[in-house]
Amino acid sequence: MTGLAVPRFPIDPSDRKPVGRSGETTSAIGIGTWAIRDYRRAEETLVEAVENGIDLIDTAEMYGWGLAEELVGRVVRRVGRGRVFITTKLLPERFRDEHTAEKALKASLARLGVRSVDLVLIHWPDPHTSIERQVRVLESLWAKGLARYIGVSNFNEKELLEALSATKRAEIVVDQVHYSVLHREPVESKLLPMAVKEGVTIQAYTPLERGKVVENLLLREVARELGKTPVQVALNYLISKPRVVAIPKTERRDHLREILGAMGWRLSPRILELLENL
């Protein structure tokens, strides 16, 4: 099938993205674990992803109410802790006080079977707690060695800037938001320029719009022209942007191989401009 070539491990350096300003990198495409239906099949798919150079796995305490974190834990035990960059997210109400946040993250660590995660995020801003307070609690998790890095999710540009200004001990390295070639705003005009300036990595969730990219006529036309698939074009569009990592969800190995084929090449400036006017 056209466009399904699988890159050899490890992924080319051009397909790695910075983790904020930490000096560390992850694969430009990670795999999400939201709404898993077949956990056994998903486990095999995630193992294959790691074997093919994808080292970023995204999860959250609320995904499957802990089952997704347990899934990631099984994968980590099979492939080795050093080969997986684990991101998890805690519910916003956890960040009202340090004890609640610590208890929640320790529960996540138990499900994951690890001593610390690589990155912990506030899943979305808590409207009942100041951003400064949320950041202070988030930093406490880093200070206690429960997470190597900290970040946020679903923060707009104003909220992200406020969070960055509130940090005292650790840097916010990631803002994970809904972003795709079919859902570019307000990320591209507001959030992304500010994130690039501040050295924050944008992780794009729902990058395939739950399959809608396959139905888009322009994406299909571009895919035919390039000998790729609409999925690969949509993902490559995102990772062609500075500091953007795409985190599609898949539990199928055939779909994983299609995702892997989104790396190892880049859309031309002409195609990028065309898609920016989609």
C-alpha atoms as a PDB file:
ATOM      1  CA  MET A   1       0.000   0.000   0.000  1.00  0.00           C
ATOM      2  CA  THR A   2       1.336   3.452  -0.902  1.00  0.00           C
ATOM      3  CA  GLY A   3       2.876   5.527   1.878  1.00  0.00           C
ATOM      4  CA  LEU A   4       3.148   2.809   4.541  1.00  0.00           C
ATOM      5  CA  ALA A   5       6.935   2.406   4.687  1.00  0.00           C
ATOM      6  CA  VAL A   6       8.088   1.927   8.282  1.00  0.00           C
ATOM      7  CA  PRO A   7      11.257   3.794   9.333  1.00  0.00           C
ATOM      8  CA  ARG A   8      14.011   1.770  10.933  1.00  0.00           C
ATOM      9  CA  PHE A   9      14.812   2.331  14.593  1.00  0.00           C
ATOM     10  CA  PRO A  10      15.968   4.864  15.615  1.00  0.00           C
ATOM     11  CA  ILE A  11      13.961   7.675  14.048  1.00  0.00           C
ATOM     12  CA  ASP A  12      15.995  10.211  12.082  1.00  0.00           C
ATOM     13  CA  PRO A  13      17.179  13.218  14.142  1.00  0.00           C
ATOM     14  CA  SER A  14      15.070  15.502  11.944  1.00  0.00           C
ATOM     15  CA  ASP A  15      12.001  13.746  13.325  1.00  0.00           C
ATOM     16  CA  ARG A  16      12.726  14.676  16.921  1.00  0.00           C
ATOM     17  CA  LYS A  17      11.410  17.725  18.749  1.00  0.00           C
ATOM     18  CA  PRO A  18      12.659  19.615  21.817  1.00  0.00           C
ATOM     19  CA  VAL A  19      11.065  19.232  25.220  1.00  0.00           C
ATOM     20  CA  GLY A  20      10.767  22.921  25.984  1.00  0.00           C
ATOM     21  CA  ARG A  21      14.218  24.355  26.621  1.00  0.00           C
ATOM     22  CA  SER A  22      15.405  21.300  28.543  1.00  0.00           C
ATOM     23  CA  GLY A  23      17.843  20.125  25.888  1.00  0.00           C
ATOM     24  CA  GLU A  24      16.012  16.800  25.719  1.00  0.00           C
ATOM     25  CA  THR A  25      14.019  15.631  22.690  1.00  0.00           C
ATOM     26  CA  THR A  26      11.212  13.211  21.896  1.00  0.00           C
ATOM     27  CA  SER A  27       9.944  11.729  18.674  1.00  0.00           C
ATOM     28  CA  ALA A  28       8.001  14.280  16.627  1.00  0.00           C
ATOM     29  CA  ILE A  29       5.002  11.973  16.822  1.00  0.00           C
ATOM     30  CA  GLY A  30       3.839  10.365  20.046  1.00  0.00           C
ATOM     31  CA  ILE A  31       0.951   7.997  20.694  1.00  0.00           C
ATOM     32  CA  GLY A  32      -2.069   8.887  22.825  1.00  0.00           C
ATOM     33  CA  THR A  33      -4.136   6.476  24.917  1.00  0.00           C
ATOM     34  CA  TRP A  34      -7.520   8.156  25.187  1.00  0.00           C
ATOM     35  CA  ALA A  35     -10.671   6.046  24.610  1.00  0.00           C
ATOM     36  CA  ILE A  36      -8.908   2.699  24.186  1.00  0.00           C
ATOM     37  CA  ARG A  37     -11.357  -0.074  23.338  1.00  0.00           C
ATOM     38  CA  ASP A  38      -9.103  -3.136  23.108  1.00  0.00           C
ATOM     39  CA  TYR A  39      -6.317  -2.880  25.672  1.00  0.00           C
ATOM     40  CA  ARG A  40      -4.567  -6.082  24.627  1.00  0.00           C
ATOM     41  CA  ARG A  41      -4.375  -4.964  21.012  1.00  0.00           C
ATOM     42  CA  ALA A  42      -3.308  -1.468  22.085  1.00  0.00           C
ATOM     43  CA  GLU A  43      -0.457  -2.921  24.145  1.00  0.00           C
ATOM     44  CA  GLU A  44       0.987  -4.746  21.146  1.00  0.00           C
ATOM     45  CA  THR A  45       0.631  -1.620  19.027  1.00  0.00           C
ATOM     46  CA  LEU A  46       2.400   0.573  21.576  1.00  0.00           C
ATOM     47  CA  VAL A  47       5.249  -1.919  21.897  1.00  0.00           C
ATOM     48  CA  GLU A  48       5.657  -1.869  18.124  1.00  0.00           C
ATOM     49  CA  ALA A  49       5.611   1.942  18.189  1.00  0.00           C
ATOM     50  CA  VAL A  50       8.502   2.025  20.654  1.00  0.00           C
ATOM     51  CA  GLU A  51      10.410  -0.603  18.681  1.00  0.00           C
ATOM     52  CA  ASN A  52      10.125   1.699  15.658  1.00  0.00           C
ATOM     53  CA  GLY A  53      11.436   4.774  17.427  1.00  0.00           C
ATOM     54  CA  ILE A  54       8.361   6.477  18.876  1.00  0.00           C
ATOM     55  CA  ASP A  55       9.331   7.169  22.469  1.00  0.00           C
ATOM     56  CA  LEU A  56       6.552   9.541  23.569  1.00  0.00           C
ATOM     57  CA  ILE A  57       3.429   7.956  25.078  1.00  0.00           C
ATOM     58  CA  ASP A  58       0.703  10.227  26.392  1.00  0.00           C
ATOM     59  CA  THR A  59      -1.858   9.214  28.999  1.00  0.00           C
ATOM     60  CA  ALA A  60      -3.919  10.652  31.877  1.00  0.00           C
ATOM     61  CA  GLU A  61      -5.397   9.546  35.162  1.00  0.00           C
ATOM     62  CA  MET A  62      -8.915   9.985  33.751  1.00  0.00           C
ATOM     63  CA  TYR A  63      -8.320   7.899  30.599  1.00  0.00           C
ATOM     64  CA  GLY A  64     -10.229   4.711  31.278  1.00  0.00           C
ATOM     65  CA  TRP A  65     -10.150   5.816  34.922  1.00  0.00           C
ATOM     66  CA  GLY A  66      -6.660   4.463  35.352  1.00  0.00           C
ATOM     67  CA  LEU A  67      -6.737   1.617  32.845  1.00  0.00           C
ATOM     68  CA  ALA A  68      -4.776   3.616  30.270  1.00  0.00           C
ATOM     69  CA  GLU A  69      -1.978   4.276  32.759  1.00  0.00           C
ATOM     70  CA  GLU A  70      -1.902   0.572  33.613  1.00  0.00           C
ATOM     71  CA  LEU A  71      -1.637  -0.150  29.882  1.00  0.00           C
ATOM     72  CA  VAL A  72       1.344   2.191  29.552  1.00  0.00           C
ATOM     73  CA  GLY A  73       2.901   0.512  32.578  1.00  0.00           C
ATOM     74  CA  ARG A  74       2.714  -2.894  30.897  1.00  0.00           C
ATOM     75  CA  VAL A  75       4.328  -1.470  27.774  1.00  0.00           C
ATOM     76  CA  VAL A  76       7.135   0.098  29.808  1.00  0.00           C
ATOM     77  CA  ARG A  77       7.847  -3.193  31.564  1.00  0.00           C
ATOM     78  CA  ARG A  78       8.162  -4.910  28.190  1.00  0.00           C
ATOM     79  CA  VAL A  79      10.362  -2.385  26.397  1.00  0.00           C
ATOM     80  CA  GLY A  80      12.311  -0.842  29.288  1.00  0.00           C
ATOM     81  CA  ARG A  81      11.794   2.398  31.183  1.00  0.00           C
ATOM     82  CA  GLY A  82      14.583   4.234  29.404  1.00  0.00           C
ATOM     83  CA  ARG A  83      12.896   3.873  26.021  1.00  0.00           C
ATOM     84  CA  VAL A  84       9.647   5.644  26.888  1.00  0.00           C
ATOM     85  CA  PHE A  85       9.000   9.314  27.639  1.00  0.00           C
ATOM     86  CA  ILE A  86       5.843   9.122  29.771  1.00  0.00           C
ATOM     87  CA  THR A  87       3.437  12.046  29.902  1.00  0.00           C
ATOM     88  CA  THR A  88       0.440  11.911  32.201  1.00  0.00           C
ATOM     89  CA  LYS A  89      -2.170  14.482  33.137  1.00  0.00           C
ATOM     90  CA  LEU A  90      -3.935  15.125  36.425  1.00  0.00           C
ATOM     91  CA  LEU A  91      -7.417  16.582  36.796  1.00  0.00           C
ATOM     92  CA  PRO A  92      -7.418  20.333  37.483  1.00  0.00           C
ATOM     93  CA  GLU A  93      -8.988  20.014  40.927  1.00  0.00           C
ATOM     94  CA  ARG A  94      -5.881  18.113  42.066  1.00  0.00           C
ATOM     95  CA  PHE A  95      -3.932  21.368  41.900  1.00  0.00           C
ATOM     96  CA  ARG A  96      -5.783  23.161  44.679  1.00  0.00           C
ATOM     97  CA  ASP A  97      -3.304  21.898  47.271  1.00  0.00           C
ATOM     98  CA  GLU A  98      -0.008  20.023  47.301  1.00  0.00           C
ATOM     99  CA  HIS A  99      -1.224  17.011  49.283  1.00  0.00           C
ATOM    100  CA  THR A 100      -4.063  16.269  46.852  1.00  0.00           C
ATOM    101  CA  ALA A 101      -1.786  16.599  43.824  1.00  0.00           C
ATOM    102  CA  GLU A 102       0.925  14.436  45.365  1.00  0.00           C
ATOM    103  CA  LYS A 103      -1.575  11.726  46.288  1.00  0.00           C
ATOM    104  CA  ALA A 104      -3.045  11.721  42.771  1.00  0.00           C
ATOM    105  CA  LEU A 105       0.325  11.568  41.033  1.00  0.00           C
ATOM    106  CA  LYS A 106       1.568   8.815  43.328  1.00  0.00           C
ATOM    107  CA  ALA A 107      -1.548   6.822  42.398  1.00  0.00           C
ATOM    108  CA  SER A 108      -0.686   7.370  38.736  1.00  0.00           C
ATOM    109  CA  LEU A 109       2.896   6.257  39.367  1.00  0.00           C
ATOM    110  CA  ALA A 110       1.620   3.074  41.005  1.00  0.00           C
ATOM    111  CA  ARG A 111      -0.542   2.302  37.980  1.00  0.00           C
ATOM    112  CA  LEU A 112       2.357   3.064  35.647  1.00  0.00           C
ATOM    113  CA  GLY A 113       4.789   1.049  37.736  1.00  0.00           C
ATOM    114  CA  VAL A 114       7.434   3.794  37.759  1.00  0.00           C
ATOM    115  CA  ARG A 115       9.047   6.041  40.352  1.00  0.00           C
ATOM    116  CA  SER A 116       8.497   9.215  38.368  1.00  0.00           C
ATOM    117  CA  VAL A 117       6.980  10.359  35.096  1.00  0.00           C
ATOM    118  CA  ASP A 118       8.884  12.360  32.543  1.00  0.00           C
ATOM    119  CA  LEU A 119       6.173  15.002  32.256  1.00  0.00           C
ATOM    120  CA  VAL A 120       3.072  15.821  34.294  1.00  0.00           C
ATOM    121  CA  LEU A 121       0.448  18.243  33.006  1.00  0.00           C
ATOM    122  CA  ILE A 122      -2.511  20.123  34.443  1.00  0.00           C
ATOM    123  CA  HIS A 123      -5.233  18.598  32.242  1.00  0.00           C
ATOM    124  CA  TRP A 124      -7.040  21.916  31.858  1.00  0.00           C
ATOM    125  CA  PRO A 125      -7.077  25.133  33.891  1.00  0.00           C
ATOM    126  CA  ASP A 126      -9.193  25.076  37.041  1.00  0.00           C
ATOM    127  CA  PRO A 127     -11.572  28.072  36.939  1.00  0.00           C
ATOM    128  CA  HIS A 128     -11.882  27.962  40.729  1.00  0.00           C
ATOM    129  CA  THR A 129      -8.156  28.240  41.477  1.00  0.00           C
ATOM    130  CA  SER A 130      -5.717  30.925  40.410  1.00  0.00           C
ATOM    131  CA  ILE A 131      -3.210  29.903  37.775  1.00  0.00           C
ATOM    132  CA  GLU A 132      -0.429  31.011  40.102  1.00  0.00           C
ATOM    133  CA  ARG A 133      -1.673  28.592  42.756  1.00  0.00           C
ATOM    134  CA  GLN A 134      -2.016  25.744  40.241  1.00  0.00           C
ATOM    135  CA  VAL A 135       1.535  26.321  39.017  1.00  0.00           C
ATOM    136  CA  ARG A 136       2.887  26.413  42.562  1.00  0.00           C
ATOM    137  CA  VAL A 137       1.316  23.020  43.279  1.00  0.00           C
ATOM    138  CA  LEU A 138       2.546  21.688  39.937  1.00  0.00           C
ATOM    139  CA  GLU A 139       6.084  22.779  40.796  1.00  0.00           C
ATOM    140  CA  SER A 140       5.855  20.928  44.100  1.00  0.00           C
ATOM    141  CA  LEU A 141       5.486  17.642  42.205  1.00  0.00           C
ATOM    142  CA  TRP A 142       8.701  18.402  40.353  1.00  0.00           C
ATOM    143  CA  ALA A 143      10.466  19.423  43.573  1.00  0.00           C
ATOM    144  CA  LYS A 144       9.523  16.097  45.172  1.00  0.00           C
ATOM    145  CA  GLY A 145      11.027  14.179  42.270  1.00  0.00           C
ATOM    146  CA  LEU A 146       7.719  12.761  41.077  1.00  0.00           C
ATOM    147  CA  ALA A 147       8.071  14.298  37.596  1.00  0.00           C
ATOM    148  CA  ARG A 148      11.120  15.327  35.596  1.00  0.00           C
ATOM    149  CA  TYR A 149       9.273  18.121  33.784  1.00  0.00           C
ATOM    150  CA  ILE A 150       6.030  20.039  34.183  1.00  0.00           C
ATOM    151  CA  GLY A 151       3.528  21.456  31.728  1.00  0.00           C
ATOM    152  CA  VAL A 152      -0.071  22.349  31.035  1.00  0.00           C
ATOM    153  CA  SER A 153      -2.870  21.310  28.724  1.00  0.00           C
ATOM    154  CA  ASN A 154      -5.720  23.255  27.156  1.00  0.00           C
ATOM    155  CA  PHE A 155      -4.225  26.592  28.221  1.00  0.00           C
ATOM    156  CA  ASN A 156      -4.777  29.413  25.739  1.00  0.00           C
ATOM    157  CA  GLU A 157      -2.032  31.945  25.046  1.00  0.00           C
ATOM    158  CA  LYS A 158      -3.054  34.263  27.906  1.00  0.00           C
ATOM    159  CA  GLU A 159      -3.298  31.406  30.390  1.00  0.00           C
ATOM    160  CA  LEU A 160       0.018  29.970  29.234  1.00  0.00           C
ATOM    161  CA  LEU A 161       1.759  33.325  29.577  1.00  0.00           C
ATOM    162  CA  GLU A 162       0.339  33.713  33.082  1.00  0.00           C
ATOM    163  CA  ALA A 163       1.526  30.211  33.971  1.00  0.00           C
ATOM    164  CA  LEU A 164       5.006  30.923  32.619  1.00  0.00           C
ATOM    165  CA  SER A 165       5.161  34.117  34.652  1.00  0.00           C
ATOM    166  CA  ALA A 166       4.124  32.233  37.796  1.00  0.00           C
ATOM    167  CA  THR A 167       6.932  29.667  37.727  1.00  0.00           C
ATOM    168  CA  LYS A 168       9.672  29.976  40.330  1.00  0.00           C
ATOM    169  CA  ARG A 169      11.430  26.609  40.513  1.00  0.00           C
ATOM    170  CA  ALA A 170      10.745  24.701  37.290  1.00  0.00           C
ATOM    171  CA  GLU A 171      10.030  25.610  33.682  1.00  0.00           C
ATOM    172  CA  ILE A 172       6.803  24.782  31.874  1.00  0.00           C
ATOM    173  CA  VAL A 173       7.958  22.830  28.832  1.00  0.00           C
ATOM    174  CA  VAL A 174       4.699  21.806  27.117  1.00  0.00           C
ATOM    175  CA  ASP A 175       1.184  23.030  26.393  1.00  0.00           C
ATOM    176  CA  GLN A 176      -0.958  20.204  25.022  1.00  0.00           C
ATOM    177  CA  VAL A 177      -3.888  21.493  22.970  1.00  0.00           C
ATOM    178  CA  HIS A 178      -6.382  20.562  20.263  1.00  0.00           C
ATOM    179  CA  TYR A 179      -4.612  21.330  17.009  1.00  0.00           C
ATOM    180  CA  SER A 180      -4.828  19.882  13.516  1.00  0.00           C
ATOM    181  CA  VAL A 181      -4.685  20.917   9.870  1.00  0.00           C
ATOM    182  CA  LEU A 182      -8.497  21.126  10.053  1.00  0.00           C
ATOM    183  CA  HIS A 183      -8.476  22.972  13.398  1.00  0.00           C
ATOM    184  CA  ARG A 184      -5.645  25.480  13.133  1.00  0.00           C
ATOM    185  CA  GLU A 185      -7.055  28.414  15.053  1.00  0.00           C
ATOM    186  CA  PRO A 186      -6.495  29.953  17.493  1.00  0.00           C
ATOM    187  CA  VAL A 187      -3.278  27.944  17.816  1.00  0.00           C
ATOM    188  CA  GLU A 188      -1.479  29.164  14.698  1.00  0.00           C
ATOM    189  CA  SER A 189      -2.234  32.874  15.009  1.00  0.00           C
ATOM    190  CA  LYS A 190      -1.937  33.246  18.792  1.00  0.00           C
ATOM    191  CA  LEU A 191      -0.663  30.326  20.860  1.00  0.00           C
ATOM    192  CA  LEU A 192       2.054  28.884  18.616  1.00  0.00           C
ATOM    193  CA  PRO A 193       3.961  32.147  17.972  1.00  0.00           C
ATOM    194  CA  MET A 194       4.038  32.867  21.686  1.00  0.00           C
ATOM    195  CA  ALA A 195       5.065  29.288  22.526  1.00  0.00           C
ATOM    196  CA  VAL A 196       7.921  29.385  20.023  1.00  0.00           C
ATOM    197  CA  LYS A 197       9.116  32.692  21.478  1.00  0.00           C
ATOM    198  CA  GLU A 198       8.979  31.335  25.034  1.00  0.00           C
ATOM    199  CA  GLY A 199      10.528  27.957  24.210  1.00  0.00           C
ATOM    200  CA  VAL A 200       7.396  25.917  24.965  1.00  0.00           C
ATOM    201  CA  THR A 201       6.595  22.805  22.946  1.00  0.00           C
ATOM    202  CA  ILE A 202       3.055  22.413  21.625  1.00  0.00           C
ATOM    203  CA  GLN A 203       1.675  18.878  21.722  1.00  0.00           C
ATOM    204  CA  ALA A 204      -1.241  18.534  19.318  1.00  0.00           C
ATOM    205  CA  TYR A 205      -4.011  16.169  20.375  1.00  0.00           C
ATOM    206  CA  THR A 206      -6.829  15.014  18.081  1.00  0.00           C
ATOM    207  CA  PRO A 207      -4.530  15.698  15.103  1.00  0.00           C
ATOM    208  CA  LEU A 208      -6.605  13.470  12.821  1.00  0.00           C
ATOM    209  CA  GLU A 209      -9.967  14.917  13.908  1.00  0.00           C
ATOM    210  CA  ARG A 210     -11.312  11.443  14.661  1.00  0.00           C
ATOM    211  CA  GLY A 211     -10.836  10.369  11.058  1.00  0.00           C
ATOM    212  CA  LYS A 212     -12.192  13.481   9.363  1.00  0.00           C
ATOM    213  CA  VAL A 213      -8.848  14.182   7.673  1.00  0.00           C
ATOM    214  CA  VAL A 214      -9.412  11.096   5.518  1.00  0.00           C
ATOM    215  CA  GLU A 215     -12.589  12.649   4.113  1.00  0.00           C
ATOM    216  CA  ASN A 216     -11.075  16.033   3.236  1.00  0.00           C
ATOM    217  CA  LEU A 217     -10.827  16.460  -0.528  1.00  0.00           C
ATOM    218  CA  LEU A 218      -7.736  18.680  -0.501  1.00  0.00           C
ATOM    219  CA  LEU A 219      -5.836  16.345   1.824  1.00  0.00           C
ATOM    220  CA  ARG A 220      -6.777  13.433  -0.413  1.00  0.00           C
ATOM    221  CA  GLU A 221      -5.589  15.317  -3.486  1.00  0.00           C
ATOM    222  CA  VAL A 222      -2.264  16.246  -1.870  1.00  0.00           C
ATOM    223  CA  ALA A 223      -1.817  12.678  -0.646  1.00  0.00           C
ATOM    224  CA  ARG A 224      -2.320  11.304  -4.159  1.00  0.00           C
ATOM    225  CA  GLU A 225       0.182  13.801  -5.546  1.00  0.00           C
ATOM    226  CA  LEU A 226       2.820  12.817  -2.976  1.00  0.00           C
ATOM    227  CA  GLY A 227       2.151   9.084  -2.865  1.00  0.00           C
ATOM    228  CA  LYS A 228       1.159   9.375   0.795  1.00  0.00           C
ATOM    229  CA  THR A 229      -2.118   9.046   2.690  1.00  0.00           C
ATOM    230  CA  PRO A 230      -4.313  11.873   4.051  1.00  0.00           C
ATOM    231  CA  VAL A 231      -3.358  10.784   7.578  1.00  0.00           C
ATOM    232  CA  GLN A 232       0.333  11.117   6.766  1.00  0.00           C
ATOM    233  CA  VAL A 233      -0.144  14.510   5.143  1.00  0.00           C
ATOM    234  CA  ALA A 234      -2.156  15.783   8.127  1.00  0.00           C
ATOM    235  CA  LEU A 235       0.477  14.635  10.626  1.00  0.00           C
ATOM    236  CA  ASN A 236       3.382  15.893   8.546  1.00  0.00           C
ATOM    237  CA  TYR A 237       1.735  19.301   8.348  1.00  0.00           C
ATOM    238  CA  LEU A 238       1.883  19.540  12.141  1.00  0.00           C
ATOM    239  CA  ILE A 239       5.419  18.285  12.641  1.00  0.00           C
ATOM    240  CA  SER A 240       6.610  20.654   9.914  1.00  0.00           C
ATOM    241  CA  LYS A 241       5.786  23.474  12.336  1.00  0.00           C
ATOM    242  CA  PRO A 242       8.446  24.548  14.851  1.00  0.00           C
ATOM    243  CA  ARG A 243       8.080  23.048  18.334  1.00  0.00           C
ATOM    244  CA  VAL A 244       4.967  21.035  17.414  1.00  0.00           C
ATOM    245  CA  VAL A 245       4.574  17.362  18.324  1.00  0.00           C
ATOM    246  CA  ALA A 246       1.563  15.370  17.109  1.00  0.00           C
ATOM    247  CA  ILE A 247      -0.006  12.779  19.417  1.00  0.00           C
ATOM    248  CA  PRO A 248      -2.539  10.698  17.482  1.00  0.00           C
ATOM    249  CA  LYS A 249      -4.242   7.809  19.216  1.00  0.00           C
ATOM    250  CA  THR A 250      -4.148   4.351  17.722  1.00  0.00           C
ATOM    251  CA  GLU A 251      -4.592   0.813  18.936  1.00  0.00           C
ATOM    252  CA  ARG A 252      -4.210  -0.821  15.501  1.00  0.00           C
ATOM    253  CA  ARG A 253      -0.846  -1.901  14.146  1.00  0.00           C
ATOM    254  CA  ASP A 254      -1.791  -1.142  10.533  1.00  0.00           C
ATOM    255  CA  HIS A 255      -2.748   2.386  11.554  1.00  0.00           C
ATOM    256  CA  LEU A 256       0.514   2.702  13.502  1.00  0.00           C
ATOM    257  CA  ARG A 257       2.486   1.854  10.367  1.00  0.00           C
ATOM    258  CA  GLU A 258       0.603   4.544   8.506  1.00  0.00           C
ATOM    259  CA  ILE A 259       1.468   7.003  11.288  1.00  0.00           C
ATOM    260  CA  LEU A 260       5.138   6.018  11.158  1.00  0.00           C
ATOM    261  CA  GLY A 261       5.088   6.809   7.455  1.00  0.00           C
ATOM    262  CA  ALA A 262       4.294  10.437   8.305  1.00  0.00           C
ATOM    263  CA  MET A 263       7.934  10.870   9.319  1.00  0.00           C
ATOM    264  CA  GLY A 264      11.141  10.877   7.308  1.00  0.00           C
ATOM    265  CA  TRP A 265      10.043  13.582   4.872  1.00  0.00           C
ATOM    266  CA  ARG A 266       8.551  17.085   4.866  1.00  0.00           C
ATOM    267  CA  LEU A 267       5.850  18.862   2.924  1.00  0.00           C
ATOM    268  CA  SER A 268       7.119  21.485   0.497  1.00  0.00           C
ATOM    269  CA  PRO A 269       6.547  25.201   1.178  1.00  0.00           C
ATOM    270  CA  ARG A 270       4.009  25.193  -1.666  1.00  0.00           C
ATOM    271  CA  ILE A 271       1.943  22.411  -0.099  1.00  0.00           C
ATOM    272  CA  LEU A 272       2.217  23.945   3.370  1.00  0.00           C
ATOM    273  CA  GLU A 273       0.876  27.249   2.066  1.00  0.00           C
ATOM    274  CA  LEU A 274      -1.932  25.416   0.306  1.00  0.00           C
ATOM    275  CA  LEU A 275      -2.933  23.619   3.500  1.00  0.00           C
ATOM    276  CA  GLU A 276      -2.690  26.798   5.562  1.00  0.00           C
ATOM    277  CA  ASN A 277      -5.525  28.161   3.440  1.00  0.00           C
ATOM    278  CA  LEU A 278      -7.640  25.036   3.872  1.00  0.00           C
END
